């Protein structure tokens, strides 16, 4: 059984605005397995957060994980993914469904809210993606 620890973040400058995602994956011992960042265009913070989770789930599957423990600093997205809040935003509903469908390919996927300070690596990756795009234009 392979369990991965996943920190994700998404952010838009302007909300909506230029947005990026960051995915930071380690194994259970803390060894970095993957760092991933990319610019995703003009979108909202919440859409970026969901997109980061989707990318991370796809990477976890490619890496052969059957369990994934997610840590996000978006309380809204975590509560929606844990079915504590309904997804009322029409722009988030298809992203929520995509996460749900990808999650069924794992034995277990857990989503935990953490403070921003506990998500520094993923946040760094988001900023790198947006900065790269703005610099390269």
N, C-alpha and C. Protein backbone atom coordinates (compact mmCIF):
# COMPACT_ATOMS: atom_id res chain seq x y z
N UNK A 1 0.84 -1.18 0.00
CA UNK A 1 0.00 0.00 0.00
C UNK A 1 0.89 1.25 0.00
N UNK A 2 0.60 2.16 -0.90
CA UNK A 2 1.40 3.38 -1.02
C UNK A 2 0.53 4.59 -0.66
N UNK A 3 0.95 5.30 0.38
CA UNK A 3 0.23 6.48 0.86
C UNK A 3 1.10 7.72 0.63
N UNK A 4 0.52 8.73 0.01
CA UNK A 4 1.25 9.97 -0.24
C UNK A 4 0.63 11.11 0.56
N UNK A 5 1.49 12.04 0.96
CA UNK A 5 1.09 13.25 1.68
C UNK A 5 1.13 14.39 0.66
N UNK A 6 0.01 15.09 0.51
CA UNK A 6 -0.12 16.06 -0.56
C UNK A 6 -0.52 17.43 -0.01
N UNK A 7 0.28 18.43 -0.35
CA UNK A 7 -0.07 19.82 -0.03
C UNK A 7 -0.40 20.50 -1.35
N UNK A 8 -1.59 21.09 -1.44
CA UNK A 8 -1.96 21.80 -2.65
C UNK A 8 -2.36 23.22 -2.32
N UNK A 9 -2.22 24.08 -3.32
CA UNK A 9 -2.66 25.46 -3.18
C UNK A 9 -2.98 25.99 -4.56
N UNK A 10 -3.89 26.93 -4.58
CA UNK A 10 -4.23 27.62 -5.81
C UNK A 10 -4.47 29.07 -5.47
N UNK A 11 -4.13 29.94 -6.37
CA UNK A 11 -4.34 31.34 -6.08
C UNK A 11 -4.47 32.16 -7.34
N UNK A 12 -5.28 33.22 -7.23
CA UNK A 12 -5.48 34.16 -8.34
C UNK A 12 -5.16 35.55 -7.84
N UNK A 13 -4.42 36.27 -8.61
CA UNK A 13 -4.12 37.66 -8.25
C UNK A 13 -5.21 38.53 -8.83
N UNK A 14 -6.07 39.00 -7.95
CA UNK A 14 -7.19 39.83 -8.39
C UNK A 14 -8.54 39.17 -8.12
N UNK A 15 -8.60 37.88 -8.18
CA UNK A 15 -9.77 37.06 -7.85
C UNK A 15 -11.07 37.56 -8.47
N UNK A 16 -11.34 37.33 -9.76
CA UNK A 16 -10.49 36.54 -10.66
C UNK A 16 -9.31 37.34 -11.20
N UNK A 17 -8.34 36.57 -11.64
CA UNK A 17 -7.15 37.17 -12.19
C UNK A 17 -6.19 36.08 -12.62
N UNK A 18 -4.96 36.45 -12.96
CA UNK A 18 -3.97 35.45 -13.35
C UNK A 18 -3.78 34.45 -12.20
N UNK A 19 -3.89 33.17 -12.51
CA UNK A 19 -3.92 32.16 -11.45
C UNK A 19 -2.92 31.04 -11.70
N UNK A 20 -2.49 30.46 -10.59
CA UNK A 20 -1.57 29.33 -10.66
C UNK A 20 -1.92 28.30 -9.61
N UNK A 21 -1.32 27.12 -9.76
CA UNK A 21 -1.51 26.05 -8.79
C UNK A 21 -0.16 25.52 -8.35
N UNK A 22 -0.14 24.95 -7.15
CA UNK A 22 1.05 24.32 -6.62
C UNK A 22 0.70 22.99 -5.98
N UNK A 23 1.49 21.98 -6.28
CA UNK A 23 1.30 20.64 -5.72
C UNK A 23 2.64 20.18 -5.17
N UNK A 24 2.64 19.81 -3.89
CA UNK A 24 3.87 19.38 -3.21
C UNK A 24 3.56 18.03 -2.57
N UNK A 25 4.20 16.98 -3.07
CA UNK A 25 3.89 15.61 -2.64
C UNK A 25 5.11 14.98 -1.99
N UNK A 26 4.88 14.38 -0.82
CA UNK A 26 5.93 13.63 -0.13
C UNK A 26 5.42 12.23 0.18
N UNK A 27 6.37 11.35 0.51
CA UNK A 27 5.96 10.04 1.01
C UNK A 27 5.77 10.17 2.52
N UNK A 28 5.44 9.07 3.16
CA UNK A 28 5.14 9.12 4.60
C UNK A 28 6.35 9.50 5.45
N UNK A 29 7.54 9.30 4.92
CA UNK A 29 8.75 9.65 5.68
C UNK A 29 9.14 11.12 5.49
N UNK A 30 8.41 11.83 4.63
CA UNK A 30 8.71 13.24 4.39
C UNK A 30 9.61 13.49 3.19
N UNK A 31 10.00 12.42 2.50
CA UNK A 31 10.83 12.54 1.31
C UNK A 31 10.00 13.14 0.16
N UNK A 32 10.51 14.19 -0.48
CA UNK A 32 9.78 14.82 -1.58
C UNK A 32 9.70 13.87 -2.77
N UNK A 33 8.49 13.63 -3.23
CA UNK A 33 8.24 12.75 -4.37
C UNK A 33 8.04 13.59 -5.63
N UNK A 34 7.38 14.75 -5.48
CA UNK A 34 7.10 15.59 -6.65
C UNK A 34 6.76 17.01 -6.22
N UNK A 35 7.22 17.96 -7.02
CA UNK A 35 6.79 19.35 -6.94
C UNK A 35 6.25 19.71 -8.31
N UNK A 36 5.09 20.35 -8.33
CA UNK A 36 4.46 20.68 -9.61
C UNK A 36 3.81 22.06 -9.48
N UNK A 37 4.04 22.90 -10.47
CA UNK A 37 3.33 24.18 -10.51
C UNK A 37 3.02 24.51 -11.96
N UNK A 38 1.91 25.21 -12.14
CA UNK A 38 1.60 25.65 -13.50
C UNK A 38 0.62 26.83 -13.46
N UNK A 39 0.71 27.63 -14.49
CA UNK A 39 -0.20 28.75 -14.68
C UNK A 39 -1.47 28.19 -15.30
N UNK A 40 -2.64 28.60 -14.81
CA UNK A 40 -3.89 28.03 -15.31
C UNK A 40 -4.81 29.06 -15.97
N UNK A 41 -4.32 30.27 -16.19
CA UNK A 41 -5.12 31.29 -16.86
C UNK A 41 -5.83 32.18 -15.86
N UNK A 42 -6.83 32.89 -16.35
CA UNK A 42 -7.60 33.81 -15.52
C UNK A 42 -8.73 33.02 -14.85
N UNK A 43 -8.74 33.02 -13.54
CA UNK A 43 -9.76 32.27 -12.81
C UNK A 43 -9.87 32.82 -11.39
N UNK A 44 -10.71 32.19 -10.58
CA UNK A 44 -10.87 32.62 -9.19
C UNK A 44 -9.96 31.80 -8.27
N UNK A 45 -9.80 32.28 -7.05
CA UNK A 45 -9.02 31.53 -6.05
C UNK A 45 -9.60 30.13 -5.85
N UNK A 46 -10.91 30.04 -5.68
CA UNK A 46 -11.51 28.73 -5.39
C UNK A 46 -11.39 27.77 -6.57
N UNK A 47 -11.53 28.28 -7.78
CA UNK A 47 -11.34 27.42 -8.96
C UNK A 47 -9.89 26.94 -9.03
N UNK A 48 -8.96 27.81 -8.68
CA UNK A 48 -7.55 27.41 -8.67
C UNK A 48 -7.29 26.35 -7.60
N UNK A 49 -7.90 26.51 -6.43
CA UNK A 49 -7.74 25.51 -5.36
C UNK A 49 -8.21 24.14 -5.84
N UNK A 50 -9.37 24.08 -6.46
CA UNK A 50 -9.89 22.81 -6.97
C UNK A 50 -8.99 22.23 -8.06
N UNK A 51 -8.51 23.10 -8.95
CA UNK A 51 -7.65 22.63 -10.04
C UNK A 51 -6.37 22.01 -9.49
N UNK A 52 -5.84 22.60 -8.41
CA UNK A 52 -4.64 22.03 -7.78
C UNK A 52 -4.92 20.63 -7.24
N UNK A 53 -6.08 20.44 -6.62
CA UNK A 53 -6.45 19.11 -6.10
C UNK A 53 -6.59 18.11 -7.25
N UNK A 54 -7.20 18.53 -8.34
CA UNK A 54 -7.37 17.65 -9.50
C UNK A 54 -6.01 17.23 -10.04
N UNK A 55 -5.11 18.20 -10.25
CA UNK A 55 -3.76 17.87 -10.73
C UNK A 55 -3.07 16.90 -9.78
N UNK A 56 -3.19 17.17 -8.49
CA UNK A 56 -2.52 16.33 -7.48
C UNK A 56 -3.06 14.90 -7.51
N UNK A 57 -4.38 14.74 -7.62
CA UNK A 57 -4.95 13.40 -7.68
C UNK A 57 -4.44 12.64 -8.90
N UNK A 58 -4.34 13.33 -10.03
CA UNK A 58 -3.82 12.69 -11.24
C UNK A 58 -2.36 12.28 -11.06
N UNK A 59 -1.57 13.14 -10.42
CA UNK A 59 -0.17 12.79 -10.15
C UNK A 59 -0.06 11.62 -9.18
N UNK A 60 -0.89 11.62 -8.14
CA UNK A 60 -0.86 10.52 -7.17
C UNK A 60 -1.17 9.19 -7.84
N UNK A 61 -2.11 9.19 -8.75
CA UNK A 61 -2.46 7.96 -9.47
C UNK A 61 -1.26 7.51 -10.32
N UNK A 62 -0.64 8.45 -11.02
CA UNK A 62 0.53 8.14 -11.85
C UNK A 62 1.67 7.60 -10.99
N UNK A 63 1.81 8.12 -9.78
CA UNK A 63 2.87 7.69 -8.87
C UNK A 63 2.55 6.36 -8.17
N UNK A 64 1.38 5.80 -8.45
CA UNK A 64 1.03 4.49 -7.91
C UNK A 64 0.46 4.50 -6.50
N UNK A 65 -0.02 5.65 -6.05
CA UNK A 65 -0.60 5.72 -4.70
C UNK A 65 -1.98 5.09 -4.67
N UNK A 66 -2.30 4.48 -3.54
CA UNK A 66 -3.68 4.04 -3.35
C UNK A 66 -4.34 4.79 -2.19
N UNK A 67 -3.56 5.62 -1.49
CA UNK A 67 -4.09 6.52 -0.47
C UNK A 67 -3.41 7.88 -0.60
N UNK A 68 -4.19 8.93 -0.37
CA UNK A 68 -3.64 10.29 -0.42
C UNK A 68 -4.21 11.12 0.71
N UNK A 69 -3.33 11.76 1.44
CA UNK A 69 -3.71 12.63 2.55
C UNK A 69 -3.44 14.06 2.10
N UNK A 70 -4.51 14.83 1.88
CA UNK A 70 -4.40 16.19 1.35
C UNK A 70 -4.44 17.22 2.46
N UNK A 71 -3.64 18.27 2.28
CA UNK A 71 -3.64 19.42 3.18
C UNK A 71 -3.78 20.68 2.33
N UNK A 72 -4.84 21.46 2.60
CA UNK A 72 -5.13 22.68 1.85
C UNK A 72 -5.36 23.81 2.83
N UNK A 73 -5.06 25.03 2.40
CA UNK A 73 -5.35 26.17 3.27
C UNK A 73 -6.67 26.86 2.92
N UNK A 74 -7.45 26.25 2.04
CA UNK A 74 -8.78 26.76 1.72
C UNK A 74 -9.82 26.01 2.54
N UNK A 75 -10.33 26.68 3.56
CA UNK A 75 -11.34 26.05 4.41
C UNK A 75 -12.61 25.73 3.63
N UNK A 76 -13.01 26.62 2.73
CA UNK A 76 -14.21 26.39 1.94
C UNK A 76 -14.09 25.11 1.12
N UNK A 77 -13.00 24.97 0.38
CA UNK A 77 -12.83 23.80 -0.49
C UNK A 77 -12.76 22.52 0.35
N UNK A 78 -12.04 22.54 1.46
CA UNK A 78 -11.96 21.35 2.32
C UNK A 78 -13.35 20.98 2.83
N UNK A 79 -14.11 21.96 3.28
CA UNK A 79 -15.46 21.66 3.80
C UNK A 79 -16.39 21.15 2.69
N UNK A 80 -16.22 21.67 1.50
CA UNK A 80 -17.03 21.15 0.39
C UNK A 80 -16.62 19.72 0.05
N UNK A 81 -15.33 19.46 -0.01
CA UNK A 81 -14.87 18.11 -0.35
C UNK A 81 -15.21 17.09 0.74
N UNK A 82 -15.33 17.56 1.97
CA UNK A 82 -15.73 16.68 3.08
C UNK A 82 -17.24 16.66 3.31
N UNK A 83 -17.99 17.24 2.37
CA UNK A 83 -19.46 17.25 2.40
C UNK A 83 -20.05 17.97 3.61
N UNK A 84 -19.31 18.95 4.14
CA UNK A 84 -19.83 19.77 5.23
C UNK A 84 -20.57 20.98 4.68
N UNK A 85 -20.15 21.44 3.50
CA UNK A 85 -20.81 22.55 2.81
C UNK A 85 -21.26 22.06 1.45
N UNK A 86 -22.40 22.57 0.98
CA UNK A 86 -22.84 22.29 -0.37
C UNK A 86 -22.06 23.16 -1.35
N UNK A 87 -21.90 22.66 -2.56
CA UNK A 87 -21.26 23.44 -3.62
C UNK A 87 -22.37 24.19 -4.35
N UNK A 88 -22.45 25.49 -4.09
CA UNK A 88 -23.52 26.30 -4.69
C UNK A 88 -23.05 27.08 -5.91
N UNK A 89 -21.74 27.27 -6.04
CA UNK A 89 -21.18 28.04 -7.15
C UNK A 89 -21.14 27.16 -8.40
N UNK A 90 -21.80 27.63 -9.46
CA UNK A 90 -21.88 26.85 -10.71
C UNK A 90 -20.50 26.62 -11.33
N UNK A 91 -19.55 27.53 -11.07
CA UNK A 91 -18.21 27.35 -11.60
C UNK A 91 -17.40 26.30 -10.86
N UNK A 92 -17.78 26.02 -9.61
CA UNK A 92 -17.05 25.03 -8.81
C UNK A 92 -17.65 23.62 -8.94
N UNK A 93 -18.93 23.53 -9.27
CA UNK A 93 -19.61 22.23 -9.30
C UNK A 93 -18.91 21.21 -10.21
N UNK A 94 -18.55 21.56 -11.45
CA UNK A 94 -17.87 20.55 -12.29
C UNK A 94 -16.50 20.17 -11.75
N UNK A 95 -15.82 21.11 -11.08
CA UNK A 95 -14.51 20.81 -10.49
C UNK A 95 -14.67 19.87 -9.30
N UNK A 96 -15.69 20.12 -8.48
CA UNK A 96 -15.99 19.24 -7.35
C UNK A 96 -16.26 17.82 -7.88
N UNK A 97 -17.06 17.72 -8.92
CA UNK A 97 -17.40 16.41 -9.49
C UNK A 97 -16.16 15.70 -10.02
N UNK A 98 -15.26 16.45 -10.64
CA UNK A 98 -14.02 15.86 -11.15
C UNK A 98 -13.17 15.30 -10.00
N UNK A 99 -13.06 16.07 -8.90
CA UNK A 99 -12.33 15.59 -7.72
C UNK A 99 -12.98 14.32 -7.20
N UNK A 100 -14.29 14.34 -7.07
CA UNK A 100 -15.03 13.18 -6.57
C UNK A 100 -14.77 11.95 -7.43
N UNK A 101 -14.86 12.12 -8.75
CA UNK A 101 -14.65 10.98 -9.66
C UNK A 101 -13.22 10.46 -9.58
N UNK A 102 -12.24 11.35 -9.52
CA UNK A 102 -10.84 10.91 -9.40
C UNK A 102 -10.60 10.20 -8.06
N UNK A 103 -11.25 10.67 -7.01
CA UNK A 103 -11.06 10.09 -5.67
C UNK A 103 -11.51 8.64 -5.60
N UNK A 104 -12.47 8.27 -6.43
CA UNK A 104 -12.97 6.89 -6.38
C UNK A 104 -11.92 5.87 -6.82
N UNK A 105 -10.85 6.35 -7.47
CA UNK A 105 -9.79 5.46 -7.90
C UNK A 105 -8.78 5.12 -6.80
N UNK A 106 -9.03 5.59 -5.59
CA UNK A 106 -8.13 5.36 -4.45
C UNK A 106 -8.87 4.62 -3.34
N UNK A 107 -8.10 3.90 -2.52
CA UNK A 107 -8.71 3.26 -1.34
C UNK A 107 -9.17 4.31 -0.35
N UNK A 108 -8.38 5.38 -0.20
CA UNK A 108 -8.73 6.45 0.74
C UNK A 108 -8.12 7.77 0.28
N UNK A 109 -8.92 8.82 0.36
CA UNK A 109 -8.45 10.18 0.12
C UNK A 109 -9.04 11.03 1.24
N UNK A 110 -8.16 11.76 1.94
CA UNK A 110 -8.61 12.61 3.04
C UNK A 110 -8.22 14.05 2.77
N UNK A 111 -9.09 14.98 3.17
CA UNK A 111 -8.83 16.40 2.98
C UNK A 111 -8.86 17.09 4.33
N UNK A 112 -7.76 17.78 4.65
CA UNK A 112 -7.62 18.46 5.94
C UNK A 112 -7.27 19.93 5.70
N UNK A 113 -7.94 20.80 6.44
CA UNK A 113 -7.62 22.23 6.37
C UNK A 113 -6.43 22.53 7.27
N UNK A 114 -5.48 23.30 6.75
CA UNK A 114 -4.33 23.76 7.54
C UNK A 114 -4.20 25.27 7.37
N UNK A 115 -3.54 25.88 8.33
CA UNK A 115 -3.26 27.31 8.22
C UNK A 115 -2.28 27.54 7.08
N UNK A 116 -2.32 28.72 6.53
CA UNK A 116 -1.46 29.05 5.40
C UNK A 116 0.02 28.79 5.70
N UNK A 117 0.43 29.06 6.93
CA UNK A 117 1.83 28.86 7.32
C UNK A 117 2.26 27.39 7.21
N UNK A 118 1.31 26.49 7.30
CA UNK A 118 1.61 25.05 7.21
C UNK A 118 1.56 24.55 5.77
N UNK A 119 1.38 25.48 4.83
CA UNK A 119 1.26 25.10 3.42
C UNK A 119 2.23 25.90 2.55
N UNK A 120 3.38 26.22 3.13
CA UNK A 120 4.32 27.15 2.48
C UNK A 120 4.87 26.63 1.15
N UNK A 121 5.16 25.34 1.06
CA UNK A 121 5.75 24.82 -0.18
C UNK A 121 4.77 24.93 -1.35
N UNK A 122 3.52 24.57 -1.12
CA UNK A 122 2.53 24.67 -2.19
C UNK A 122 2.27 26.13 -2.56
N UNK A 123 2.23 27.00 -1.57
CA UNK A 123 2.04 28.43 -1.81
C UNK A 123 3.19 28.99 -2.64
N UNK A 124 4.41 28.59 -2.33
CA UNK A 124 5.59 29.02 -3.09
C UNK A 124 5.44 28.62 -4.56
N UNK A 125 4.98 27.40 -4.79
CA UNK A 125 4.83 26.91 -6.16
C UNK A 125 3.78 27.69 -6.94
N UNK A 126 2.69 28.07 -6.28
CA UNK A 126 1.66 28.91 -6.92
C UNK A 126 2.27 30.22 -7.38
N UNK A 127 2.98 30.88 -6.47
CA UNK A 127 3.58 32.17 -6.79
C UNK A 127 4.62 32.06 -7.90
N UNK A 128 5.38 30.98 -7.90
CA UNK A 128 6.37 30.77 -8.97
C UNK A 128 5.67 30.65 -10.33
N UNK A 129 4.56 29.92 -10.37
CA UNK A 129 3.83 29.73 -11.63
C UNK A 129 3.28 31.05 -12.16
N UNK A 130 2.67 31.84 -11.29
CA UNK A 130 2.09 33.12 -11.73
C UNK A 130 3.20 34.10 -12.09
N UNK A 131 4.25 34.15 -11.28
CA UNK A 131 5.38 35.04 -11.57
C UNK A 131 6.02 34.71 -12.92
N UNK A 132 6.20 33.41 -13.20
CA UNK A 132 6.78 32.97 -14.49
C UNK A 132 5.92 33.49 -15.64
N UNK A 133 4.61 33.32 -15.50
CA UNK A 133 3.70 33.75 -16.57
C UNK A 133 3.76 35.27 -16.76
N UNK A 134 3.71 36.01 -15.68
CA UNK A 134 3.70 37.47 -15.77
C UNK A 134 5.02 38.00 -16.34
N UNK A 135 6.12 37.33 -16.01
CA UNK A 135 7.43 37.75 -16.50
C UNK A 135 7.57 37.43 -17.99
N UNK A 136 7.11 36.21 -18.37
CA UNK A 136 7.25 35.78 -19.77
C UNK A 136 6.17 36.35 -20.67
N UNK A 137 5.03 36.68 -20.02
CA UNK A 137 3.90 37.31 -20.71
C UNK A 137 3.45 36.58 -21.90
